[in-house]
Amino acid sequence: MPANQINTQEEPLTLYFIYDSHCPWSYAATPVVEELLNAFDYSDVHLLHCAHFNGSDAPKKAQVEQVSALSNVEFSDAYSKQVSNKVSSVKTANFMSWVQSKQADKEFEFLKVLQHQHFVEANPLNSRDDFDKIINQYKLSPSNKVFKDALSHEAESVLAGIAEIGEAIGTNAFPVLVMTSGDQAIFIDHSQHLASPKDVVEMVRAELADLSD
């Protein structure tokens, strides 16, 4: 276990993050996820792309302004100018499910790269060419089905898993951040930690301590 990771629990920890790559709130929650990944040792981590944006709608400008006010994540002027354009995260969902099966250890790193490309570089991530930068940077060879307009079988499987989690926790909202310790679950309200993501660690440590009492 790395020196900066702490797990006083005997029960194995699992982290679930349900997100959409094109969702501003998911983008703002990612630093909270990063703090949790750095602070604890997990038996399993599930980064689950819900593919909410299918080309029929877009994030609201007011939503982006609210996220900017509550968090420290960056939105470029170029992104803000096109925020009302309809977006599709389907290809990103396909790409992330492909990464999950091929290079799961880099999945979170790739998510951060893609979010930066979308929200800062204003890359729509909606064509094969839009993924060239990350493909070339990491020397990846994703299959052609990743870049189809429909969800891949792997991405559909992720959605099935998300549906099960939603049923268990009683909500289909996203982003969602849940940690389990054995058969007990901690629902983490990411919205309380957007301005200071590191604060989530002490909150979770306290919750884990309560579970072990």
N, C-alpha and C. Protein backbone atom coordinates (compact mmCIF):
# COMPACT_ATOMS: atom_id res chain seq x y z
N MET A 1 0.85 -1.20 0.00
CA MET A 1 0.00 0.00 0.00
C MET A 1 0.89 1.25 0.00
N PRO A 2 0.67 2.21 -0.88
CA PRO A 2 1.46 3.44 -0.88
C PRO A 2 1.38 4.15 0.46
N ALA A 3 2.45 4.88 0.79
CA ALA A 3 2.55 5.51 2.10
C ALA A 3 1.43 6.51 2.36
N ASN A 4 0.92 7.12 1.29
CA ASN A 4 -0.11 8.15 1.49
C ASN A 4 -1.52 7.58 1.55
N GLN A 5 -1.63 6.26 1.46
CA GLN A 5 -2.95 5.64 1.51
C GLN A 5 -3.18 5.01 2.87
N ILE A 6 -4.36 5.21 3.38
CA ILE A 6 -4.70 4.72 4.71
C ILE A 6 -5.98 3.92 4.63
N ASN A 7 -5.94 2.73 5.21
CA ASN A 7 -7.15 1.92 5.32
C ASN A 7 -7.08 1.17 6.63
N THR A 8 -7.81 1.68 7.62
CA THR A 8 -7.82 1.04 8.92
C THR A 8 -8.88 -0.04 9.00
N GLN A 9 -9.63 -0.21 7.93
CA GLN A 9 -10.70 -1.19 7.90
C GLN A 9 -10.17 -2.57 7.55
N GLU A 10 -10.72 -3.58 8.19
CA GLU A 10 -10.41 -4.94 7.79
C GLU A 10 -11.21 -5.31 6.55
N GLU A 11 -12.39 -4.73 6.40
CA GLU A 11 -13.22 -5.02 5.24
C GLU A 11 -12.64 -4.33 4.00
N PRO A 12 -12.70 -4.98 2.85
CA PRO A 12 -12.20 -4.35 1.63
C PRO A 12 -13.07 -3.16 1.22
N LEU A 13 -12.42 -2.15 0.67
CA LEU A 13 -13.12 -0.95 0.23
C LEU A 13 -13.31 -0.98 -1.29
N THR A 14 -14.48 -0.53 -1.72
CA THR A 14 -14.76 -0.39 -3.15
C THR A 14 -15.33 1.01 -3.38
N LEU A 15 -14.88 1.65 -4.46
CA LEU A 15 -15.35 3.00 -4.78
C LEU A 15 -16.11 2.97 -6.10
N TYR A 16 -17.27 3.63 -6.11
CA TYR A 16 -18.11 3.74 -7.31
C TYR A 16 -18.29 5.22 -7.64
N PHE A 17 -18.01 5.58 -8.89
CA PHE A 17 -18.24 6.95 -9.36
C PHE A 17 -19.04 6.88 -10.65
N ILE A 18 -20.29 7.33 -10.57
CA ILE A 18 -21.16 7.38 -11.75
C ILE A 18 -21.13 8.81 -12.29
N TYR A 19 -20.79 8.94 -13.56
CA TYR A 19 -20.55 10.26 -14.12
C TYR A 19 -20.91 10.30 -15.61
N ASP A 20 -20.89 11.49 -16.16
CA ASP A 20 -20.91 11.68 -17.61
C ASP A 20 -19.76 12.62 -17.95
N SER A 21 -18.96 12.24 -18.91
CA SER A 21 -17.77 13.01 -19.27
C SER A 21 -18.08 14.43 -19.70
N HIS A 22 -19.29 14.67 -20.20
CA HIS A 22 -19.66 15.98 -20.71
C HIS A 22 -20.52 16.78 -19.71
N CYS A 23 -20.65 16.26 -18.50
CA CYS A 23 -21.46 16.90 -17.46
C CYS A 23 -20.59 17.79 -16.58
N PRO A 24 -20.89 19.08 -16.48
CA PRO A 24 -20.09 19.98 -15.64
C PRO A 24 -20.02 19.55 -14.18
N TRP A 25 -21.12 19.03 -13.63
CA TRP A 25 -21.09 18.58 -12.24
C TRP A 25 -20.17 17.38 -12.06
N SER A 26 -20.16 16.47 -13.02
CA SER A 26 -19.24 15.33 -12.97
C SER A 26 -17.79 15.80 -13.01
N TYR A 27 -17.54 16.78 -13.85
CA TYR A 27 -16.20 17.39 -13.96
C TYR A 27 -15.77 17.96 -12.62
N ALA A 28 -16.67 18.67 -11.95
CA ALA A 28 -16.36 19.28 -10.66
C ALA A 28 -16.17 18.23 -9.57
N ALA A 29 -16.85 17.09 -9.71
CA ALA A 29 -16.74 16.02 -8.71
C ALA A 29 -15.45 15.22 -8.86
N THR A 30 -14.82 15.28 -10.02
CA THR A 30 -13.63 14.47 -10.28
C THR A 30 -12.49 14.75 -9.30
N PRO A 31 -12.19 16.00 -8.92
CA PRO A 31 -11.15 16.23 -7.91
C PRO A 31 -11.48 15.58 -6.56
N VAL A 32 -12.76 15.47 -6.23
CA VAL A 32 -13.17 14.79 -5.00
C VAL A 32 -12.83 13.30 -5.10
N VAL A 33 -13.13 12.73 -6.26
CA VAL A 33 -12.79 11.33 -6.51
C VAL A 33 -11.28 11.13 -6.40
N GLU A 34 -10.52 12.06 -6.94
CA GLU A 34 -9.06 11.93 -6.91
C GLU A 34 -8.53 11.92 -5.48
N GLU A 35 -9.09 12.76 -4.63
CA GLU A 35 -8.67 12.77 -3.22
C GLU A 35 -8.94 11.41 -2.57
N LEU A 36 -10.08 10.83 -2.87
CA LEU A 36 -10.43 9.52 -2.29
C LEU A 36 -9.52 8.42 -2.84
N LEU A 37 -9.20 8.49 -4.11
CA LEU A 37 -8.32 7.48 -4.71
C LEU A 37 -6.93 7.55 -4.09
N ASN A 38 -6.47 8.75 -3.77
CA ASN A 38 -5.14 8.92 -3.19
C ASN A 38 -5.09 8.58 -1.71
N ALA A 39 -6.22 8.66 -1.03
CA ALA A 39 -6.22 8.53 0.43
C ALA A 39 -6.46 7.11 0.93
N PHE A 40 -7.12 6.28 0.14
CA PHE A 40 -7.51 4.96 0.61
C PHE A 40 -7.05 3.88 -0.36
N ASP A 41 -6.93 2.69 0.18
CA ASP A 41 -6.58 1.52 -0.63
C ASP A 41 -7.86 0.75 -0.94
N TYR A 42 -8.08 0.44 -2.20
CA TYR A 42 -9.33 -0.20 -2.62
C TYR A 42 -9.08 -1.58 -3.21
N SER A 43 -10.02 -2.46 -2.96
CA SER A 43 -9.98 -3.76 -3.63
C SER A 43 -10.51 -3.62 -5.04
N ASP A 44 -11.35 -2.60 -5.26
CA ASP A 44 -11.92 -2.39 -6.59
C ASP A 44 -12.39 -0.94 -6.73
N VAL A 45 -12.24 -0.40 -7.93
CA VAL A 45 -12.72 0.94 -8.25
C VAL A 45 -13.55 0.85 -9.53
N HIS A 46 -14.76 1.40 -9.48
CA HIS A 46 -15.66 1.36 -10.64
C HIS A 46 -15.96 2.78 -11.09
N LEU A 47 -15.41 3.17 -12.23
CA LEU A 47 -15.71 4.45 -12.85
C LEU A 47 -16.73 4.19 -13.95
N LEU A 48 -17.95 4.65 -13.76
CA LEU A 48 -19.08 4.22 -14.58
C LEU A 48 -19.68 5.39 -15.36
N HIS A 49 -19.49 5.38 -16.66
CA HIS A 49 -19.99 6.44 -17.54
C HIS A 49 -21.46 6.18 -17.86
N CYS A 50 -22.34 7.11 -17.50
CA CYS A 50 -23.78 6.88 -17.65
C CYS A 50 -24.32 7.30 -19.02
N ALA A 51 -23.47 7.92 -19.87
CA ALA A 51 -23.87 8.29 -21.23
C ALA A 51 -25.20 9.04 -21.26
N HIS A 52 -25.32 10.03 -20.41
CA HIS A 52 -26.56 10.82 -20.34
C HIS A 52 -26.78 11.64 -21.61
N PHE A 53 -25.73 12.28 -22.08
CA PHE A 53 -25.86 13.16 -23.24
C PHE A 53 -25.78 12.34 -24.53
N ASN A 54 -26.87 12.34 -25.28
CA ASN A 54 -26.96 11.51 -26.49
C ASN A 54 -27.10 12.33 -27.77
N GLY A 55 -26.80 13.62 -27.68
CA GLY A 55 -26.90 14.48 -28.84
C GLY A 55 -28.19 15.27 -28.93
N SER A 56 -29.10 15.04 -27.99
CA SER A 56 -30.40 15.71 -28.04
C SER A 56 -30.48 16.94 -27.13
N ASP A 57 -29.49 17.10 -26.25
CA ASP A 57 -29.51 18.25 -25.35
C ASP A 57 -28.09 18.66 -24.99
N ALA A 58 -27.98 19.62 -24.08
CA ALA A 58 -26.68 20.16 -23.69
C ALA A 58 -26.76 20.66 -22.26
N PRO A 59 -25.61 20.80 -21.59
CA PRO A 59 -25.63 21.43 -20.27
C PRO A 59 -26.13 22.86 -20.39
N LYS A 60 -26.79 23.33 -19.37
CA LYS A 60 -27.29 24.70 -19.37
C LYS A 60 -26.16 25.67 -18.99
N LYS A 61 -26.17 26.85 -19.60
CA LYS A 61 -25.15 27.84 -19.28
C LYS A 61 -25.18 28.19 -17.79
N ALA A 62 -26.38 28.28 -17.22
CA ALA A 62 -26.51 28.59 -15.80
C ALA A 62 -25.87 27.51 -14.94
N GLN A 63 -25.95 26.27 -15.41
CA GLN A 63 -25.33 25.16 -14.68
C GLN A 63 -23.82 25.32 -14.65
N VAL A 64 -23.24 25.68 -15.78
CA VAL A 64 -21.79 25.89 -15.86
C VAL A 64 -21.38 27.04 -14.93
N GLU A 65 -22.16 28.10 -14.92
CA GLU A 65 -21.86 29.24 -14.05
C GLU A 65 -21.94 28.84 -12.58
N GLN A 66 -22.91 28.00 -12.24
CA GLN A 66 -23.05 27.55 -10.86
C GLN A 66 -21.88 26.67 -10.46
N VAL A 67 -21.49 25.76 -11.34
CA VAL A 67 -20.35 24.88 -11.05
C VAL A 67 -19.08 25.72 -10.88
N SER A 68 -18.90 26.72 -11.73
CA SER A 68 -17.73 27.60 -11.63
C SER A 68 -17.68 28.31 -10.29
N ALA A 69 -18.84 28.72 -9.81
CA ALA A 69 -18.91 29.46 -8.55
C ALA A 69 -18.63 28.57 -7.35
N LEU A 70 -18.99 27.30 -7.44
CA LEU A 70 -18.89 26.39 -6.29
C LEU A 70 -17.62 25.55 -6.27
N SER A 71 -16.89 25.52 -7.37
CA SER A 71 -15.72 24.63 -7.46
C SER A 71 -14.51 25.39 -7.99
N ASN A 72 -13.41 24.66 -8.14
CA ASN A 72 -12.18 25.25 -8.66
C ASN A 72 -11.82 24.75 -10.05
N VAL A 73 -12.72 24.01 -10.69
CA VAL A 73 -12.41 23.49 -12.02
C VAL A 73 -12.49 24.61 -13.05
N GLU A 74 -11.77 24.42 -14.15
CA GLU A 74 -11.64 25.46 -15.17
C GLU A 74 -12.56 25.20 -16.36
N PHE A 75 -13.27 26.23 -16.77
CA PHE A 75 -14.02 26.22 -18.02
C PHE A 75 -13.45 27.33 -18.90
N SER A 76 -13.00 26.98 -20.08
CA SER A 76 -12.41 27.99 -20.96
C SER A 76 -13.49 28.85 -21.60
N ASP A 77 -13.08 30.01 -22.11
CA ASP A 77 -14.01 30.86 -22.84
C ASP A 77 -14.53 30.14 -24.08
N ALA A 78 -13.65 29.37 -24.72
CA ALA A 78 -14.05 28.64 -25.93
C ALA A 78 -15.16 27.64 -25.61
N TYR A 79 -15.03 26.95 -24.46
CA TYR A 79 -16.08 26.02 -24.06
C TYR A 79 -17.37 26.77 -23.74
N SER A 80 -17.25 27.86 -22.99
CA SER A 80 -18.44 28.61 -22.58
C SER A 80 -19.21 29.14 -23.78
N LYS A 81 -18.50 29.49 -24.84
CA LYS A 81 -19.16 30.02 -26.03
C LYS A 81 -19.99 28.97 -26.76
N GLN A 82 -19.60 27.69 -26.60
CA GLN A 82 -20.31 26.64 -27.32
C GLN A 82 -21.16 25.77 -26.39
N VAL A 83 -21.30 26.19 -25.13
CA VAL A 83 -21.95 25.35 -24.13
C VAL A 83 -23.39 25.00 -24.49
N SER A 84 -24.05 25.87 -25.24
CA SER A 84 -25.45 25.61 -25.60
C SER A 84 -25.61 24.63 -26.75
N ASN A 85 -24.50 24.29 -27.40
CA ASN A 85 -24.56 23.32 -28.51
C ASN A 85 -24.90 21.94 -27.97
N LYS A 86 -25.76 21.23 -28.66
CA LYS A 86 -26.10 19.87 -28.25
C LYS A 86 -24.86 18.98 -28.31
N VAL A 87 -24.71 18.12 -27.31
CA VAL A 87 -23.51 17.29 -27.22
C VAL A 87 -23.89 15.82 -27.08
N SER A 88 -22.95 14.98 -27.46
CA SER A 88 -23.10 13.53 -27.28
C SER A 88 -21.86 12.99 -26.59
N SER A 89 -22.07 12.25 -25.53
CA SER A 89 -20.96 11.62 -24.82
C SER A 89 -20.87 10.13 -25.13
N VAL A 90 -21.62 9.69 -26.14
CA VAL A 90 -21.69 8.26 -26.46
C VAL A 90 -20.32 7.69 -26.80
N LYS A 91 -19.58 8.38 -27.66
CA LYS A 91 -18.27 7.86 -28.06
C LYS A 91 -17.30 7.86 -26.88
N THR A 92 -17.42 8.84 -26.00
CA THR A 92 -16.57 8.85 -24.81
C THR A 92 -16.94 7.69 -23.88
N ALA A 93 -18.23 7.40 -23.76
CA ALA A 93 -18.66 6.25 -22.96
C ALA A 93 -18.09 4.96 -23.55
N ASN A 94 -18.14 4.84 -24.87
CA ASN A 94 -17.56 3.67 -25.53
C ASN A 94 -16.05 3.60 -25.30
N PHE A 95 -15.40 4.75 -25.42
CA PHE A 95 -13.95 4.79 -25.23
C PHE A 95 -13.58 4.40 -23.81
N MET A 96 -14.29 4.94 -22.83
CA MET A 96 -13.96 4.63 -21.43
C MET A 96 -14.24 3.18 -21.09
N SER A 97 -15.27 2.59 -21.66
CA SER A 97 -15.53 1.16 -21.41
C SER A 97 -14.45 0.31 -22.07
N TRP A 98 -13.94 0.76 -23.22
CA TRP A 98 -12.82 0.06 -23.86
C TRP A 98 -11.57 0.16 -22.98
N VAL A 99 -11.30 1.35 -22.46
CA VAL A 99 -10.15 1.54 -21.56
C VAL A 99 -10.29 0.65 -20.33
N GLN A 100 -11.50 0.56 -19.81
CA GLN A 100 -11.76 -0.26 -18.63
C GLN A 100 -11.35 -1.70 -18.86
N SER A 101 -11.56 -2.19 -20.06
CA SER A 101 -11.24 -3.59 -20.37
C SER A 101 -9.78 -3.80 -20.75
N LYS A 102 -9.12 -2.73 -21.21
CA LYS A 102 -7.75 -2.87 -21.73
C LYS A 102 -6.68 -2.28 -20.81
N GLN A 103 -6.96 -1.13 -20.22
CA GLN A 103 -5.96 -0.44 -19.39
C GLN A 103 -6.66 0.19 -18.18
N ALA A 104 -7.27 -0.65 -17.37
CA ALA A 104 -8.06 -0.16 -16.24
C ALA A 104 -7.24 0.69 -15.28
N ASP A 105 -5.95 0.42 -15.19
CA ASP A 105 -5.10 1.19 -14.27
C ASP A 105 -4.94 2.64 -14.71
N LYS A 106 -5.23 2.94 -15.97
CA LYS A 106 -5.12 4.31 -16.47
C LYS A 106 -6.49 4.96 -16.68
N GLU A 107 -7.54 4.31 -16.27
CA GLU A 107 -8.89 4.79 -16.56
C GLU A 107 -9.14 6.18 -15.98
N PHE A 108 -8.76 6.39 -14.73
CA PHE A 108 -9.01 7.70 -14.11
C PHE A 108 -8.15 8.78 -14.76
N GLU A 109 -6.92 8.43 -15.06
CA GLU A 109 -6.02 9.37 -15.74
C GLU A 109 -6.61 9.80 -17.08
N PHE A 110 -7.13 8.84 -17.83
CA PHE A 110 -7.72 9.16 -19.13
C PHE A 110 -8.98 10.01 -18.98
N LEU A 111 -9.76 9.74 -17.94
CA LEU A 111 -10.95 10.54 -17.70
C LEU A 111 -10.57 12.00 -17.50
N LYS A 112 -9.56 12.24 -16.69
CA LYS A 112 -9.12 13.62 -16.44
C LYS A 112 -8.62 14.29 -17.72
N VAL A 113 -7.90 13.54 -18.53
CA VAL A 113 -7.40 14.08 -19.80
C VAL A 113 -8.56 14.47 -20.70
N LEU A 114 -9.54 13.59 -20.82
CA LEU A 114 -10.69 13.87 -21.69
C LEU A 114 -11.53 15.04 -21.17
N GLN A 115 -11.68 15.13 -19.86
CA GLN A 115 -12.42 16.26 -19.30
C GLN A 115 -11.70 17.58 -19.60
N HIS A 116 -10.38 17.57 -19.49
CA HIS A 116 -9.62 18.78 -19.80
C HIS A 116 -9.79 19.14 -21.27
N GLN A 117 -9.73 18.14 -22.13
CA GLN A 117 -9.89 18.40 -23.55
C GLN A 117 -11.28 18.98 -23.85
N HIS A 118 -12.28 18.48 -23.15
CA HIS A 118 -13.65 18.94 -23.42
C HIS A 118 -13.92 20.32 -22.82
N PHE A 119 -13.66 20.48 -21.53
CA PHE A 119 -14.07 21.70 -20.83
C PHE A 119 -13.07 22.85 -20.96
N VAL A 120 -11.82 22.54 -21.25
CA VAL A 120 -10.80 23.59 -21.38
C VAL A 120 -10.42 23.81 -22.84
N GLU A 121 -10.20 22.71 -23.57
CA GLU A 121 -9.81 22.83 -24.97
C GLU A 121 -11.02 22.89 -25.91
N ALA A 122 -12.21 22.75 -25.35
CA ALA A 122 -13.46 22.83 -26.12
C ALA A 122 -13.54 21.76 -27.21
N ASN A 123 -13.01 20.59 -26.92
CA ASN A 123 -13.08 19.45 -27.84
C ASN A 123 -14.41 18.75 -27.61
N PRO A 124 -15.28 18.62 -28.62
CA PRO A 124 -16.59 17.99 -28.41
C PRO A 124 -16.52 16.49 -28.19
N LEU A 125 -15.40 15.86 -28.54
CA LEU A 125 -15.24 14.41 -28.37
C LEU A 125 -16.40 13.65 -29.02
N ASN A 126 -16.65 14.00 -30.26
CA ASN A 126 -17.79 13.38 -30.93
C ASN A 126 -17.43 12.80 -32.30
N SER A 127 -16.13 12.61 -32.54
CA SER A 127 -15.70 11.96 -33.78
C SER A 127 -14.38 11.25 -33.52
N ARG A 128 -14.01 10.37 -34.42
CA ARG A 128 -12.73 9.66 -34.29
C ARG A 128 -11.58 10.65 -34.21
N ASP A 129 -11.61 11.69 -35.01
CA ASP A 129 -10.53 12.68 -35.01
C ASP A 129 -10.40 13.39 -33.67
N ASP A 130 -11.53 13.57 -32.98
CA ASP A 130 -11.50 14.27 -31.69
C ASP A 130 -10.70 13.50 -30.64
N PHE A 131 -10.51 12.21 -30.85
CA PHE A 131 -9.77 11.38 -29.90
C PHE A 131 -8.31 11.17 -30.31
N ASP A 132 -7.91 11.77 -31.43
CA ASP A 132 -6.54 11.54 -31.92
C ASP A 132 -5.48 11.95 -30.90
N LYS A 133 -5.71 13.05 -30.21
CA LYS A 133 -4.70 13.56 -29.28
C LYS A 133 -4.41 12.55 -28.17
N ILE A 134 -5.44 12.03 -27.53
CA ILE A 134 -5.22 11.07 -26.45
C ILE A 134 -4.72 9.73 -26.99
N ILE A 135 -5.21 9.35 -28.17
CA ILE A 135 -4.77 8.09 -28.78
C ILE A 135 -3.28 8.15 -29.10
N ASN A 136 -2.85 9.26 -29.68
CA ASN A 136 -1.43 9.41 -30.04
C ASN A 136 -0.54 9.58 -28.82
N GLN A 137 -1.03 10.34 -27.84
CA GLN A 137 -0.24 10.59 -26.63
C GLN A 137 0.05 9.30 -25.88
N TYR A 138 -0.94 8.42 -25.80
CA TYR A 138 -0.78 7.19 -25.02
C TYR A 138 -0.60 5.95 -25.89
N LYS A 139 -0.46 6.18 -27.21
CA LYS A 139 -0.22 5.06 -28.14
C LYS A 139 -1.29 3.97 -28.00
N LEU A 140 -2.54 4.38 -28.10
CA LEU A 140 -3.68 3.49 -27.94
C LEU A 140 -4.15 2.97 -29.29
N SER A 141 -4.83 1.83 -29.25
CA SER A 141 -5.39 1.25 -30.48
C SER A 141 -6.82 0.79 -30.24
N PRO A 142 -7.72 1.74 -30.00
CA PRO A 142 -9.12 1.35 -29.75
C PRO A 142 -9.77 0.78 -31.01
N SER A 143 -10.71 -0.11 -30.80
CA SER A 143 -11.41 -0.73 -31.93
C SER A 143 -12.35 0.28 -32.58
N ASN A 144 -12.72 0.03 -33.82
CA ASN A 144 -13.57 0.96 -34.57
C ASN A 144 -14.95 1.13 -33.94
N LYS A 145 -15.43 0.10 -33.24
CA LYS A 145 -16.78 0.19 -32.65
C LYS A 145 -16.88 1.28 -31.59
N VAL A 146 -15.72 1.67 -31.04
CA VAL A 146 -15.70 2.74 -30.05
C VAL A 146 -16.28 4.03 -30.63
N PHE A 147 -16.06 4.25 -31.91
CA PHE A 147 -16.40 5.54 -32.51
C PHE A 147 -17.70 5.51 -33.31
N LYS A 148 -18.50 4.49 -33.09
CA LYS A 148 -19.83 4.45 -33.69
C LYS A 148 -20.78 5.35 -32.90
N ASP A 149 -21.90 5.70 -33.52
CA ASP A 149 -22.86 6.60 -32.86
C ASP A 149 -23.69 5.91 -31.80
N ALA A 150 -23.67 4.59 -31.80
CA ALA A 150 -24.44 3.82 -30.81
C ALA A 150 -23.52 3.31 -29.71
N LEU A 151 -24.09 3.08 -28.55
CA LEU A 151 -23.31 2.54 -27.44
C LEU A 151 -22.82 1.14 -27.78
N SER A 152 -21.58 0.86 -27.41
CA SER A 152 -21.02 -0.47 -27.60
C SER A 152 -21.63 -1.44 -26.59
N HIS A 153 -21.42 -2.72 -26.83
CA HIS A 153 -21.92 -3.73 -25.89
C HIS A 153 -21.33 -3.51 -24.50
N GLU A 154 -20.04 -3.16 -24.45
CA GLU A 154 -19.38 -2.93 -23.16
C GLU A 154 -19.99 -1.73 -22.44
N ALA A 155 -20.26 -0.66 -23.19
CA ALA A 155 -20.87 0.52 -22.57
C ALA A 155 -22.29 0.24 -22.09
N GLU A 156 -23.01 -0.59 -22.84
CA GLU A 156 -24.36 -1.00 -22.42
C GLU A 156 -24.29 -1.79 -21.12
N SER A 157 -23.26 -2.61 -20.98
CA SER A 157 -23.09 -3.39 -19.75
C SER A 157 -22.85 -2.47 -18.56
N VAL A 158 -22.10 -1.38 -18.80
CA VAL A 158 -21.87 -0.40 -17.74
C VAL A 158 -23.20 0.22 -17.32
N LEU A 159 -24.05 0.55 -18.28
CA LEU A 159 -25.36 1.13 -17.95
C LEU A 159 -26.22 0.18 -17.13
N ALA A 160 -26.11 -1.11 -17.43
CA ALA A 160 -26.86 -2.11 -16.65
C ALA A 160 -26.38 -2.11 -15.20
N GLY A 161 -25.07 -1.99 -15.01
CA GLY A 161 -24.52 -1.91 -13.66
C GLY A 161 -24.96 -0.66 -12.94
N ILE A 162 -25.01 0.46 -13.67
CA ILE A 162 -25.47 1.72 -13.09
C ILE A 162 -26.93 1.61 -12.65
N ALA A 163 -27.75 0.95 -13.46
CA ALA A 163 -29.16 0.78 -13.11
C ALA A 163 -29.32 0.00 -11.81
N GLU A 164 -28.49 -1.02 -11.63
CA GLU A 164 -28.54 -1.80 -10.39
C GLU A 164 -28.16 -0.95 -9.19
N ILE A 165 -27.12 -0.14 -9.35
CA ILE A 165 -26.69 0.74 -8.26
C ILE A 165 -27.78 1.76 -7.95
N GLY A 166 -28.38 2.34 -9.00
CA GLY A 166 -29.45 3.31 -8.81
C GLY A 166 -30.62 2.74 -8.04
N GLU A 167 -30.95 1.49 -8.35
CA GLU A 167 -32.04 0.83 -7.64
C GLU A 167 -31.68 0.61 -6.18
N ALA A 168 -30.42 0.28 -5.92
CA ALA A 168 -29.98 0.01 -4.55
C ALA A 168 -29.96 1.27 -3.70
N ILE A 169 -29.57 2.41 -4.29
CA ILE A 169 -29.45 3.64 -3.51
C ILE A 169 -30.66 4.55 -3.66
N GLY A 170 -31.58 4.17 -4.53
CA GLY A 170 -32.84 4.90 -4.65
C GLY A 170 -32.78 6.19 -5.43
N THR A 171 -31.83 6.29 -6.37
CA THR A 171 -31.78 7.48 -7.21
C THR A 171 -31.12 7.16 -8.54
N ASN A 172 -31.58 7.84 -9.57
CA ASN A 172 -30.95 7.73 -10.88
C ASN A 172 -30.17 9.00 -11.22
N ALA A 173 -30.03 9.88 -10.24
CA ALA A 173 -29.29 11.12 -10.45
C ALA A 173 -27.80 10.82 -10.60
N PHE A 174 -27.09 11.76 -11.17
CA PHE A 174 -25.64 11.65 -11.28
C PHE A 174 -25.07 13.06 -11.25
N PRO A 175 -23.81 13.24 -10.90
CA PRO A 175 -22.86 12.20 -10.51
C PRO A 175 -23.20 11.60 -9.15
N VAL A 176 -22.76 10.37 -8.97
CA VAL A 176 -22.95 9.65 -7.72
C VAL A 176 -21.60 9.11 -7.27
N LEU A 177 -21.35 9.22 -5.98
CA LEU A 177 -20.10 8.75 -5.41
C LEU A 177 -20.43 7.91 -4.18
N VAL A 178 -20.10 6.63 -4.24
CA VAL A 178 -20.42 5.70 -3.17
C VAL A 178 -19.18 4.87 -2.85
N MET A 179 -18.92 4.68 -1.56
CA MET A 179 -17.86 3.78 -1.12
C MET A 179 -18.50 2.66 -0.31
N THR A 180 -18.08 1.43 -0.54
CA THR A 180 -18.56 0.32 0.27
C THR A 180 -17.41 -0.25 1.08
N SER A 181 -17.75 -0.66 2.29
CA SER A 181 -16.81 -1.35 3.17
C SER A 181 -17.48 -2.66 3.55
N GLY A 182 -17.03 -3.74 2.93
CA GLY A 182 -17.74 -5.00 3.09
C GLY A 182 -19.12 -4.87 2.48
N ASP A 183 -20.16 -5.13 3.29
CA ASP A 183 -21.53 -5.03 2.78
C ASP A 183 -22.21 -3.74 3.24
N GLN A 184 -21.44 -2.79 3.76
CA GLN A 184 -21.98 -1.50 4.18
C GLN A 184 -21.55 -0.41 3.21
N ALA A 185 -22.43 0.57 3.00
CA ALA A 185 -22.16 1.60 2.00
C ALA A 185 -22.16 2.99 2.62
N ILE A 186 -21.29 3.84 2.09
CA ILE A 186 -21.24 5.25 2.47
C ILE A 186 -21.58 6.07 1.22
N PHE A 187 -22.68 6.81 1.27
CA PHE A 187 -23.04 7.70 0.17
C PHE A 187 -22.33 9.03 0.40
N ILE A 188 -21.46 9.42 -0.52
CA ILE A 188 -20.64 10.61 -0.35
C ILE A 188 -21.26 11.77 -1.13
N ASP A 189 -21.64 12.81 -0.41
CA ASP A 189 -22.25 13.98 -1.05
C ASP A 189 -21.12 14.85 -1.61
N HIS A 190 -20.79 14.63 -2.86
CA HIS A 190 -19.68 15.36 -3.48
C HIS A 190 -19.91 16.86 -3.48
N SER A 191 -21.18 17.28 -3.51
CA SER A 191 -21.49 18.70 -3.62
C SER A 191 -21.00 19.50 -2.41
N GLN A 192 -20.78 18.81 -1.29
CA GLN A 192 -20.29 19.47 -0.08
C GLN A 192 -18.79 19.70 -0.11
N HIS A 193 -18.11 19.16 -1.11
CA HIS A 193 -16.64 19.19 -1.12
C HIS A 193 -16.06 19.77 -2.40
N LEU A 194 -16.89 20.41 -3.21
CA LEU A 194 -16.41 20.92 -4.50
C LEU A 194 -15.37 22.02 -4.34
N ALA A 195 -15.55 22.89 -3.34
CA ALA A 195 -14.61 23.99 -3.15
C ALA A 195 -13.31 23.53 -2.52
N SER A 196 -13.38 22.49 -1.71
CA SER A 196 -12.20 21.97 -1.02
C SER A 196 -12.25 20.45 -1.02
N PRO A 197 -11.90 19.83 -2.15
CA PRO A 197 -12.03 18.37 -2.29
C PRO A 197 -11.31 17.56 -1.22
N LYS A 198 -10.18 18.06 -0.72
CA LYS A 198 -9.41 17.29 0.25
C LYS A 198 -10.19 17.04 1.54
N ASP A 199 -11.18 17.89 1.83
CA ASP A 199 -11.95 17.73 3.06
C ASP A 199 -12.77 16.45 3.09
N VAL A 200 -13.01 15.87 1.92
CA VAL A 200 -13.82 14.65 1.86
C VAL A 200 -13.13 13.49 2.58
N VAL A 201 -11.81 13.52 2.64
CA VAL A 201 -11.06 12.40 3.21
C VAL A 201 -11.37 12.24 4.69
N GLU A 202 -11.34 13.33 5.45
CA GLU A 202 -11.63 13.25 6.88
C GLU A 202 -13.06 12.82 7.12
N MET A 203 -13.97 13.29 6.29
CA MET A 203 -15.37 12.90 6.43
C MET A 203 -15.52 11.39 6.25
N VAL A 204 -14.87 10.86 5.23
CA VAL A 204 -14.99 9.42 4.97
C VAL A 204 -14.29 8.62 6.07
N ARG A 205 -13.16 9.09 6.55
CA ARG A 205 -12.48 8.38 7.65
C ARG A 205 -13.39 8.29 8.87
N ALA A 206 -14.11 9.38 9.15
CA ALA A 206 -15.04 9.38 10.28
C ALA A 206 -16.17 8.39 10.05
N GLU A 207 -16.68 8.35 8.82
CA GLU A 207 -17.76 7.41 8.49
C GLU A 207 -17.27 5.97 8.62
N LEU A 208 -16.06 5.70 8.16
CA LEU A 208 -15.51 4.34 8.26
C LEU A 208 -15.32 3.94 9.72
N ALA A 209 -14.88 4.90 10.54
CA ALA A 209 -14.71 4.63 11.96
C ALA A 209 -16.04 4.29 12.61
N ASP A 210 -17.10 4.99 12.22
CA ASP A 210 -18.43 4.71 12.76
C ASP A 210 -18.90 3.30 12.36
N LEU A 211 -18.57 2.90 11.14
CA LEU A 211 -18.97 1.57 10.68
C LEU A 211 -18.29 0.46 11.47
N SER A 212 -17.07 0.75 11.94
CA SER A 212 -16.31 -0.29 12.64
C SER A 212 -16.63 -0.35 14.13
N ASP A 213 -17.38 0.65 14.63
CA ASP A 213 -17.73 0.66 16.06
C ASP A 213 -18.74 -0.44 16.39
